[in-house]
Amino acid sequence: MEGNQGAMGSVPQTDDSKRAAAALVRGLQPVLRELRPTIKAFTARTRRSVGQVYLCGGSAQLPGMVEELSAGLGLPARLMPLPIEAGTVIPSAKHAEAAQAFALALRGHASSSRAQRLNFRRGEFAFKGSYDVVREKYGVLASLAATLLILLIASGIVRNSVLSRREQQVDAVLCTLTQRVLGQCEKNFDRALNLLRGKESPAALIPKISAVSMMGELTQRIPADVPVTFEQIIIEPDRISLRGETDNSKSIDQISSGLKGYRCFREVKEGKLQKSKDGQHVNFTLDVHVECPEQGAVPQG
C-alpha cells in the first residue's frame, strides 16, 4: 500500500481516515503476534536482547507505521537504511522497497547450519529437513522399533515352542513304530532306519519287490520278436522258475539276455533243452535268481 492511501496512529484526521487506520491496526495485530514470540525465542536462545527493529517494504512507508509497531513491540523501530552505495543511485521514494530486497539478501547470505534459509511455506506446506523430521518423530520411531523387536522375539519363542512340540510328536510316533516292529523304542531316525533295514530285523523279511512287479518286468524283458509260450511260471521272493516252448535255442539266448537287463534279475540259468513231440519246437526251463540292490537309483537296463 502506498503512503498516500492510508495512515495509522495519530496521523489520520477525518472520519474515513480514522476508520481506515483502525482497519490497518487490526490487520497489523497478526504480525505483532508473530513477532513477539519470535523476539522472545531469539533472546532465550542467544542470550542477547533485541535493541531495535528495522522496517522495510512498501507498507513501511505508511504514516504512523513506525510508531505503531514500536508501541506494539515495546522496542524502538525505524526505517531500514540502505548502504551508501545503493542510497545514492536509488530514488528516495523507493528506499523502503529496496531495503526489503537488501534485507532478504542479507538474511540469505547469513544462512548456515545454525541459521536456516528463509522459509515462506507455512502449515502443511512448511518445509522440514530430514533431520528435523526424524527429531520430531523420534518418539514414534522408537516406539515402532521397540514394538517390532518385541514381536520378533515373541515370534521366535512361539516358533521354537511349536517346533519343539512337533519334534516330540515325531519322536513319539517313531518310538511307537520301532517298539511294535523291533521290540525296542528308538527315537533316533537314522539308527531306527538302519535297524529296520538290518538283516535280522522283521522288516528284512518284507520283499523289496512284489510278485506283480516281477511279473511285469518279466513280460517287458522278453523280446517282442521271439515266439515263446510259457507253460509254467513260479515266482518266489528270491527266484523265478520258467518253463516254456520256443522255436530254437537262439531264441532262448535272446530271452536270457533280455531278462538279464533288469537290475533285480541277478542271474539267469538255462536248464536242459528238449525237442517237442512234433520236432519243430524246443522246450526249455530258466531259473532266475532275484536280488535287488540297496540303492534303487541303479539303472534297470
Protein backbone atom coordinates (compact mmCIF):
# COMPACT_ATOMS: atom_id res chain seq x y z
CA MET A 1 0.00 0.00 0.00
CA GLU A 2 1.37 3.43 -0.94
CA GLY A 3 1.91 6.08 1.75
CA ASN A 4 -0.81 8.40 0.39
CA GLN A 5 -3.56 5.78 0.65
CA GLY A 6 -3.66 5.30 4.39
CA ALA A 7 -2.21 6.22 7.76
CA MET A 8 -2.03 4.88 11.29
CA GLY A 9 -1.79 6.12 14.84
CA SER A 10 -2.37 9.82 15.42
CA VAL A 11 -1.86 10.78 11.79
CA PRO A 12 -5.49 10.33 10.50
CA GLN A 13 -7.74 13.40 10.88
CA THR A 14 -11.02 12.67 9.06
CA ASP A 15 -13.59 10.04 9.95
CA ASP A 16 -12.81 7.97 6.86
CA SER A 17 -9.10 8.07 7.53
CA LYS A 18 -9.71 7.05 11.15
CA ARG A 19 -11.79 4.05 10.07
CA ALA A 20 -9.05 3.11 7.60
CA ALA A 21 -6.46 3.47 10.33
CA ALA A 22 -8.45 1.19 12.65
CA ALA A 23 -8.62 -1.42 9.90
CA LEU A 24 -4.88 -1.15 9.36
CA VAL A 25 -4.23 -1.56 13.07
CA ARG A 26 -6.41 -4.70 13.17
CA GLY A 27 -4.51 -6.05 10.18
CA LEU A 28 -1.22 -5.38 11.95
CA GLN A 29 -2.14 -7.46 15.02
CA PRO A 30 -1.32 -10.91 13.48
CA VAL A 31 2.11 -9.54 12.56
CA LEU A 32 2.68 -8.38 16.11
CA ARG A 33 1.55 -11.76 17.47
CA GLU A 34 4.16 -13.44 15.28
CA LEU A 35 6.96 -11.01 16.11
CA ARG A 36 6.62 -11.07 19.90
CA PRO A 37 7.34 -14.85 20.38
CA THR A 38 9.98 -14.66 17.66
CA ILE A 39 11.89 -11.95 19.55
CA LYS A 40 11.48 -13.82 22.86
CA ALA A 41 12.76 -17.05 21.29
CA PHE A 42 15.77 -15.25 19.85
CA THR A 43 16.58 -13.68 23.24
CA ALA A 44 16.26 -17.01 25.05
CA ARG A 45 18.36 -18.90 22.50
CA THR A 46 21.20 -16.42 22.04
CA ARG A 47 21.17 -14.72 25.47
CA ARG A 48 21.15 -11.43 23.60
CA SER A 49 18.49 -8.73 23.65
CA VAL A 50 16.93 -7.05 20.63
CA GLY A 51 17.77 -3.36 20.63
CA GLN A 52 15.96 -2.08 17.58
CA VAL A 53 13.54 -3.16 14.87
CA TYR A 54 14.06 -2.11 11.26
CA LEU A 55 11.15 -1.78 8.84
CA CYS A 56 11.35 -2.26 5.10
CA GLY A 57 8.99 -2.77 2.20
CA GLY A 58 6.20 -0.67 0.76
CA SER A 59 3.96 -0.86 3.85
CA ALA A 60 6.74 0.60 5.99
CA GLN A 61 6.07 3.95 4.31
CA LEU A 62 2.57 4.25 5.84
CA PRO A 63 2.45 7.27 8.10
CA GLY A 64 2.38 6.16 11.70
CA MET A 65 3.59 2.59 10.92
CA VAL A 66 6.90 3.04 12.73
CA GLU A 67 5.23 4.43 15.84
CA GLU A 68 2.51 1.74 15.87
CA LEU A 69 4.99 -1.10 15.50
CA SER A 70 7.30 0.35 18.16
CA ALA A 71 4.41 0.71 20.60
CA GLY A 72 3.15 -2.82 19.90
CA LEU A 73 6.57 -4.46 20.40
CA GLY A 74 7.89 -2.19 23.09
CA LEU A 75 11.07 -1.66 21.09
CA PRO A 76 12.40 1.30 19.13
CA ALA A 77 11.66 1.00 15.42
CA ARG A 78 12.87 2.86 12.34
CA LEU A 79 13.06 2.51 8.60
CA MET A 80 15.95 0.36 7.47
CA PRO A 81 18.64 2.49 5.85
CA LEU A 82 20.29 1.43 2.60
CA PRO A 83 24.03 1.15 2.14
CA ILE A 84 25.63 4.39 0.99
CA GLU A 85 26.43 2.91 -2.43
CA ALA A 86 22.79 1.91 -3.02
CA GLY A 87 21.26 5.02 -1.47
CA THR A 88 22.96 7.31 -3.92
CA VAL A 89 21.60 5.56 -7.04
CA ILE A 90 18.09 4.57 -5.87
CA PRO A 91 15.43 7.29 -5.61
CA SER A 92 14.41 8.10 -2.04
CA ALA A 93 10.81 7.12 -2.78
CA LYS A 94 11.97 3.57 -3.49
CA HIS A 95 14.31 3.23 -0.50
CA ALA A 96 11.80 1.25 1.59
CA GLU A 97 11.15 -1.32 -1.15
CA ALA A 98 14.86 -1.58 -1.98
CA ALA A 99 15.60 -2.03 1.73
CA GLN A 100 13.32 -5.08 1.74
CA ALA A 101 15.32 -6.70 -1.06
CA PHE A 102 18.53 -5.74 0.73
CA ALA A 103 17.29 -7.31 4.00
CA LEU A 104 16.35 -10.57 2.24
CA ALA A 105 19.77 -10.67 0.60
CA LEU A 106 21.49 -10.21 3.95
CA ARG A 107 19.35 -12.96 5.51
CA GLY A 108 20.17 -15.38 2.70
CA HIS A 109 23.86 -14.51 2.88
CA ALA A 110 23.88 -15.25 6.63
CA SER A 111 22.33 -18.72 6.18
CA SER A 112 24.32 -21.59 7.70
CA SER A 113 23.74 -24.80 9.56
CA ARG A 114 22.57 -22.74 12.57
CA ALA A 115 20.71 -20.09 10.57
CA GLN A 116 18.50 -21.77 8.01
CA ARG A 117 17.38 -20.10 4.80
CA LEU A 118 14.10 -18.27 4.54
CA ASN A 119 11.03 -20.44 4.54
CA PHE A 120 7.83 -18.84 3.24
CA ARG A 121 5.81 -22.03 3.37
CA ARG A 122 3.57 -22.47 6.39
CA GLY A 123 1.29 -25.11 7.82
CA GLU A 124 1.03 -28.32 5.83
CA PHE A 125 3.26 -26.83 3.11
CA ALA A 126 6.10 -25.97 5.51
CA PHE A 127 9.46 -27.42 4.56
CA LYS A 128 11.36 -29.50 7.08
CA GLY A 129 14.76 -31.05 6.65
CA SER A 130 15.28 -34.79 7.06
CA TYR A 131 16.89 -34.44 10.50
CA ASP A 132 14.07 -32.21 11.71
CA VAL A 133 11.52 -34.83 10.71
CA VAL A 134 13.50 -37.53 12.49
CA ARG A 135 13.81 -35.43 15.63
CA GLU A 136 10.10 -34.72 15.68
CA LYS A 137 9.17 -38.33 15.09
CA TYR A 138 11.92 -39.85 17.24
CA GLY A 139 9.49 -40.99 19.90
CA VAL A 140 7.14 -42.61 17.39
CA LEU A 141 10.02 -44.30 15.54
CA ALA A 142 11.50 -45.57 18.82
CA SER A 143 8.10 -46.99 19.83
CA LEU A 144 7.72 -48.71 16.46
CA ALA A 145 11.23 -50.16 16.68
CA ALA A 146 10.57 -51.46 20.20
CA THR A 147 7.26 -52.96 19.09
CA LEU A 148 8.88 -54.71 16.13
CA LEU A 149 11.64 -56.07 18.38
CA ILE A 150 9.11 -57.41 20.87
CA LEU A 151 7.08 -59.02 18.07
CA LEU A 152 10.23 -60.57 16.60
CA ILE A 153 11.23 -62.05 19.95
CA ALA A 154 7.70 -63.33 20.56
CA SER A 155 7.59 -64.86 17.07
CA GLY A 156 10.87 -66.67 17.68
CA ILE A 157 9.66 -68.01 21.03
CA VAL A 158 6.38 -69.24 19.54
CA ARG A 159 8.13 -70.81 16.54
CA ASN A 160 10.63 -72.63 18.74
CA SER A 161 7.84 -73.81 21.02
CA VAL A 162 5.81 -75.18 18.08
CA LEU A 163 8.86 -76.88 16.57
CA SER A 164 9.72 -78.41 19.93
CA ARG A 165 6.21 -79.86 20.28
CA ARG A 166 6.29 -81.20 16.72
CA GLU A 167 9.65 -82.82 17.36
CA GLN A 168 8.29 -84.50 20.47
CA GLN A 169 5.31 -85.80 18.49
CA VAL A 170 7.59 -87.21 15.76
CA ASP A 171 9.78 -88.89 18.39
CA ALA A 172 6.70 -90.43 19.99
CA VAL A 173 5.46 -91.83 16.66
CA LEU A 174 8.95 -93.19 15.82
CA CYS A 175 9.21 -94.79 19.26
CA THR A 176 5.80 -96.46 18.85
CA LEU A 177 6.71 -97.78 15.41
CA THR A 178 10.11 -99.19 16.41
CA GLN A 179 8.62 -100.67 19.60
CA ARG A 180 6.00 -102.52 17.56
CA VAL A 181 8.38 -103.72 14.81
CA LEU A 182 11.73 -104.13 16.58
CA GLY A 183 10.57 -104.63 20.15
CA GLN A 184 12.54 -101.61 21.38
CA CYS A 185 11.95 -97.85 21.44
CA GLU A 186 14.30 -95.86 19.22
CA LYS A 187 13.91 -92.07 18.77
CA ASN A 188 16.96 -91.51 16.58
CA PHE A 189 15.71 -91.60 12.99
CA ASP A 190 18.97 -92.71 11.35
CA ARG A 191 19.53 -95.50 13.87
CA ALA A 192 15.90 -96.61 13.61
CA LEU A 193 16.17 -96.71 9.81
CA ASN A 194 19.34 -98.81 9.97
CA LEU A 195 17.70 -101.21 12.42
CA LEU A 196 14.62 -101.54 10.20
CA ARG A 197 16.82 -102.28 7.18
CA GLY A 198 19.02 -104.76 9.02
CA LYS A 199 19.06 -108.40 8.00
CA GLU A 200 17.95 -109.55 11.43
CA SER A 201 15.05 -107.13 11.69
CA PRO A 202 11.44 -108.12 10.90
CA ALA A 203 11.47 -105.57 8.09
CA ALA A 204 14.15 -107.58 6.31
CA LEU A 205 11.54 -110.29 5.70
CA ILE A 206 9.45 -107.95 3.60
CA PRO A 207 10.27 -108.45 -0.10
CA LYS A 208 11.74 -105.42 -1.80
CA ILE A 209 9.79 -106.18 -4.95
CA SER A 210 6.35 -107.75 -5.27
CA ALA A 211 5.34 -110.73 -7.43
CA VAL A 212 3.22 -108.42 -9.59
CA SER A 213 6.19 -106.15 -10.22
CA MET A 214 8.43 -109.10 -11.10
CA MET A 215 5.76 -110.46 -13.46
CA GLY A 216 5.55 -107.05 -15.17
CA GLU A 217 9.33 -106.84 -15.59
CA LEU A 218 9.41 -110.41 -16.88
CA THR A 219 6.91 -109.74 -19.65
CA GLN A 220 8.62 -106.46 -20.61
CA ARG A 221 12.09 -108.02 -20.86
CA ILE A 222 11.13 -110.79 -23.31
CA PRO A 223 11.90 -109.67 -26.89
CA ALA A 224 8.73 -108.98 -28.85
CA ASP A 225 10.03 -110.70 -31.99
CA VAL A 226 10.69 -114.02 -30.19
CA PRO A 227 7.85 -116.56 -30.42
CA VAL A 228 7.53 -118.12 -26.96
CA THR A 229 4.82 -119.88 -24.97
CA PHE A 230 5.20 -120.31 -21.19
CA GLU A 231 3.65 -123.40 -19.73
CA GLN A 232 4.62 -122.63 -16.11
CA ILE A 233 5.77 -119.53 -14.19
CA ILE A 234 6.64 -119.82 -10.49
CA ILE A 235 7.51 -116.56 -8.71
CA GLU A 236 9.13 -116.70 -5.27
CA PRO A 237 10.74 -113.90 -3.21
CA ASP A 238 14.26 -114.82 -4.34
CA ARG A 239 13.78 -116.77 -7.56
CA ILE A 240 11.61 -117.26 -10.66
CA SER A 241 11.20 -120.60 -12.40
CA LEU A 242 10.12 -120.59 -16.06
CA ARG A 243 9.13 -123.45 -18.35
CA GLY A 244 8.13 -122.81 -21.91
CA GLU A 245 8.40 -123.57 -25.61
CA THR A 246 10.06 -121.62 -28.44
CA ASP A 247 11.25 -122.24 -31.99
CA ASN A 248 15.05 -122.73 -31.43
CA SER A 249 17.93 -122.38 -28.96
CA LYS A 250 18.85 -118.95 -30.34
CA SER A 251 15.52 -117.59 -29.16
CA ILE A 252 16.29 -118.93 -25.67
CA ASP A 253 19.54 -116.94 -25.62
CA GLN A 254 17.63 -113.81 -26.60
CA ILE A 255 15.15 -114.39 -23.77
CA SER A 256 18.00 -114.85 -21.26
CA SER A 257 19.76 -111.70 -22.46
CA GLY A 258 16.54 -109.67 -22.14
CA LEU A 259 15.90 -110.89 -18.57
CA LYS A 260 19.48 -110.04 -17.51
CA GLY A 261 18.82 -106.39 -18.38
CA TYR A 262 16.72 -105.92 -15.23
CA ARG A 263 18.75 -104.98 -12.14
CA CYS A 264 16.90 -107.37 -9.78
CA PHE A 265 17.42 -110.41 -12.06
CA ARG A 266 20.96 -111.09 -10.90
CA GLU A 267 21.50 -114.44 -12.63
CA VAL A 268 19.65 -116.44 -15.33
CA LYS A 269 20.43 -120.16 -15.64
CA GLU A 270 19.25 -122.26 -18.57
CA GLY A 271 18.06 -125.81 -17.89
CA LYS A 272 18.02 -128.87 -20.14
CA LEU A 273 16.65 -128.40 -23.66
CA GLN A 274 14.32 -130.93 -25.29
CA LYS A 275 12.72 -131.20 -28.67
CA SER A 276 8.96 -131.04 -28.76
CA LYS A 277 6.87 -134.01 -29.87
CA ASP A 278 6.39 -132.56 -33.34
CA GLY A 279 10.12 -131.86 -33.64
CA GLN A 280 9.58 -128.24 -34.71
CA HIS A 281 9.97 -126.52 -31.32
CA VAL A 282 12.27 -126.59 -28.30
CA ASN A 283 11.13 -127.00 -24.69
CA PHE A 284 13.28 -125.10 -22.11
CA THR A 285 13.50 -124.12 -18.45
CA LEU A 286 15.02 -120.97 -16.95
CA ASP A 287 15.91 -120.35 -13.33
CA VAL A 288 16.19 -116.63 -12.48
CA HIS A 289 17.89 -115.52 -9.24
CA VAL A 290 16.15 -112.41 -7.79
CA GLU A 291 18.12 -109.96 -5.65
CA CYS A 292 17.50 -106.18 -5.74
CA PRO A 293 20.40 -103.86 -4.79
CA GLU A 294 20.02 -101.49 -1.84
CA GLN A 295 20.06 -98.29 -3.93
CA GLY A 296 17.06 -98.04 -6.22
CA ALA A 297 18.80 -95.48 -8.43
CA VAL A 298 20.73 -98.14 -10.30
CA PRO A 299 19.63 -98.23 -13.95
CA GLN A 300 17.24 -101.01 -14.81
CA GLY A 301 18.92 -101.89 -18.07
